[in-house]
Amino acid sequence: LGKDRSKCTPAELDKIRRERNRMHAKRTRDRKRIFMEEMEVMIKLGKDRSKCTPAELDKIRRERNRMHAKRTRDRKRIFMEEME
């Protein structure tokens, strides 16, 4: 992918395009998987929230913050894997 594209044959350009598309599709699937996992937990927590005490609500908020931090780390990891 780091090759000078002006010197590439049409077949090489097609190969580069496919590889870039493959990487983008993988990143999209990974982001969707992470998002869906987070939403499943948030739905479960939301259903439980109506019967929670203030201490339990604090625990839910901490879990939400932990999940957000994990999602951010996962996005950075996915980005770094693509750069390799």
C-alpha atoms as a PDB file:
ATOM      1  CA  LEU A   1       0.000   0.000   0.000  1.00  0.00           C
ATOM      2  CA  GLY A   2       2.982   2.282   0.407  1.00  0.00           C
ATOM      3  CA  LYS A   3       3.923   1.872  -3.261  1.00  0.00           C
ATOM      4  CA  ASP A   4       3.892   4.842  -5.670  1.00  0.00           C
ATOM      5  CA  ARG A   5       0.562   4.373  -7.417  1.00  0.00           C
ATOM      6  CA  SER A   6       1.570   6.280 -10.534  1.00  0.00           C
ATOM      7  CA  LYS A   7       3.926   3.395 -11.358  1.00  0.00           C
ATOM      8  CA  CYS A   8       1.384   0.649 -10.686  1.00  0.00           C
ATOM      9  CA  THR A   9      -0.247  -1.517 -13.290  1.00  0.00           C
ATOM     10  CA  PRO A  10      -4.058  -1.657 -13.380  1.00  0.00           C
ATOM     11  CA  ALA A  11      -3.913  -5.087 -11.736  1.00  0.00           C
ATOM     12  CA  GLU A  12      -1.753  -3.715  -8.903  1.00  0.00           C
ATOM     13  CA  LEU A  13      -4.101  -0.757  -8.441  1.00  0.00           C
ATOM     14  CA  ASP A  14      -7.028  -3.172  -8.231  1.00  0.00           C
ATOM     15  CA  LYS A  15      -5.175  -5.241  -5.622  1.00  0.00           C
ATOM     16  CA  ILE A  16      -4.423  -2.096  -3.588  1.00  0.00           C
ATOM     17  CA  ARG A  17      -8.069  -1.014  -3.791  1.00  0.00           C
ATOM     18  CA  ARG A  18      -9.296  -4.431  -2.648  1.00  0.00           C
ATOM     19  CA  GLU A  19      -6.855  -4.513   0.284  1.00  0.00           C
ATOM     20  CA  ARG A  20      -7.889  -1.021   1.385  1.00  0.00           C
ATOM     21  CA  ASN A  21     -11.562  -2.012   1.110  1.00  0.00           C
ATOM     22  CA  ARG A  22     -10.926  -5.211   3.091  1.00  0.00           C
ATOM     23  CA  MET A  23      -9.248  -3.229   5.880  1.00  0.00           C
ATOM     24  CA  HIS A  24     -12.073  -0.715   5.962  1.00  0.00           C
ATOM     25  CA  ALA A  25     -14.709  -3.473   6.089  1.00  0.00           C
ATOM     26  CA  LYS A  26     -12.872  -5.165   8.985  1.00  0.00           C
ATOM     27  CA  ARG A  27     -12.685  -1.883  10.888  1.00  0.00           C
ATOM     28  CA  THR A  28     -16.395  -1.311  10.300  1.00  0.00           C
ATOM     29  CA  ARG A  29     -17.302  -4.811  11.523  1.00  0.00           C
ATOM     30  CA  ASP A  30     -15.114  -4.372  14.606  1.00  0.00           C
ATOM     31  CA  ARG A  31     -16.700  -1.015  15.433  1.00  0.00           C
ATOM     32  CA  LYS A  32     -20.196  -2.455  14.981  1.00  0.00           C
ATOM     33  CA  ARG A  33     -19.370  -5.440  17.232  1.00  0.00           C
ATOM     34  CA  ILE A  34     -18.046  -3.148  19.961  1.00  0.00           C
ATOM     35  CA  PHE A  35     -21.085  -0.867  19.659  1.00  0.00           C
ATOM     36  CA  MET A  36     -23.548  -3.777  19.822  1.00  0.00           C
ATOM     37  CA  GLU A  37     -21.841  -5.263  22.887  1.00  0.00           C
ATOM     38  CA  GLU A  38     -22.022  -1.905  24.618  1.00  0.00           C
ATOM     39  CA  MET A  39     -25.685  -1.425  23.699  1.00  0.00           C
ATOM     40  CA  GLU A  40     -26.619  -4.865  25.052  1.00  0.00           C
ATOM     41  CA  VAL A  41     -25.092  -3.966  28.402  1.00  0.00           C
ATOM     42  CA  MET A  42     -26.708  -0.519  28.411  1.00  0.00           C
ATOM     43  CA  ILE A  43     -30.136  -2.053  27.710  1.00  0.00           C
ATOM     44  CA  LYS A  44     -29.683  -4.525  30.547  1.00  0.00           C
ATOM     45  CA  LEU A  45     -28.568  -1.756  32.876  1.00  0.00           C
ATOM     46  CA  GLY A  46     -31.467   0.443  31.773  1.00  0.00           C
ATOM     47  CA  LYS A  47     -34.003  -2.260  32.569  1.00  0.00           C
ATOM     48  CA  ASP A  48     -32.491  -2.673  36.016  1.00  0.00           C
ATOM     49  CA  ARG A  49     -32.210   1.076  36.647  1.00  0.00           C
ATOM     50  CA  SER A  50     -35.855   1.595  37.580  1.00  0.00           C
ATOM     51  CA  LYS A  51     -35.450  -0.544  40.701  1.00  0.00           C
ATOM     52  CA  CYS A  52     -32.003   0.733  41.730  1.00  0.00           C
ATOM     53  CA  THR A  53     -30.859   2.458  44.889  1.00  0.00           C
ATOM     54  CA  PRO A  54     -28.540   5.495  44.604  1.00  0.00           C
ATOM     55  CA  ALA A  55     -25.533   3.270  45.365  1.00  0.00           C
ATOM     56  CA  GLU A  56     -26.517   0.915  42.552  1.00  0.00           C
ATOM     57  CA  LEU A  57     -26.946   3.852  40.169  1.00  0.00           C
ATOM     58  CA  ASP A  58     -23.393   4.949  41.004  1.00  0.00           C
ATOM     59  CA  LYS A  59     -22.192   1.432  40.194  1.00  0.00           C
ATOM     60  CA  ILE A  60     -24.039   1.567  36.847  1.00  0.00           C
ATOM     61  CA  ARG A  61     -22.462   4.929  36.038  1.00  0.00           C
ATOM     62  CA  ARG A  62     -18.997   3.576  36.843  1.00  0.00           C
ATOM     63  CA  GLU A  63     -19.655   0.584  34.554  1.00  0.00           C
ATOM     64  CA  ARG A  64     -20.812   2.903  31.765  1.00  0.00           C
ATOM     65  CA  ASN A  65     -17.642   4.972  32.131  1.00  0.00           C
ATOM     66  CA  ARG A  66     -15.497   1.825  32.136  1.00  0.00           C
ATOM     67  CA  MET A  67     -17.192   0.611  28.950  1.00  0.00           C
ATOM     68  CA  HIS A  68     -16.641   3.965  27.269  1.00  0.00           C
ATOM     69  CA  ALA A  69     -12.928   3.826  28.139  1.00  0.00           C
ATOM     70  CA  LYS A  70     -12.727   0.244  26.808  1.00  0.00           C
ATOM     71  CA  ARG A  71     -14.413   1.258  23.541  1.00  0.00           C
ATOM     72  CA  THR A  72     -11.916   4.081  23.135  1.00  0.00           C
ATOM     73  CA  ARG A  73      -9.003   1.684  23.732  1.00  0.00           C
ATOM     74  CA  ASP A  74     -10.482  -0.816  21.261  1.00  0.00           C
ATOM     75  CA  ARG A  75     -10.803   1.863  18.582  1.00  0.00           C
ATOM     76  CA  LYS A  76      -7.178   2.889  19.101  1.00  0.00           C
ATOM     77  CA  ARG A  77      -6.084  -0.773  18.919  1.00  0.00           C
ATOM     78  CA  ILE A  78      -8.016  -1.324  15.680  1.00  0.00           C
ATOM     79  CA  PHE A  79      -6.499   1.810  14.185  1.00  0.00           C
ATOM     80  CA  MET A  80      -2.970   0.737  15.161  1.00  0.00           C
ATOM     81  CA  GLU A  81      -3.501  -2.753  13.698  1.00  0.00           C
ATOM     82  CA  GLU A  82      -4.452  -1.167  10.396  1.00  0.00           C
ATOM     83  CA  MET A  83      -1.279   0.878  10.383  1.00  0.00           C
ATOM     84  CA  GLU A  84       0.912  -2.219  10.662  1.00  0.00           C
END
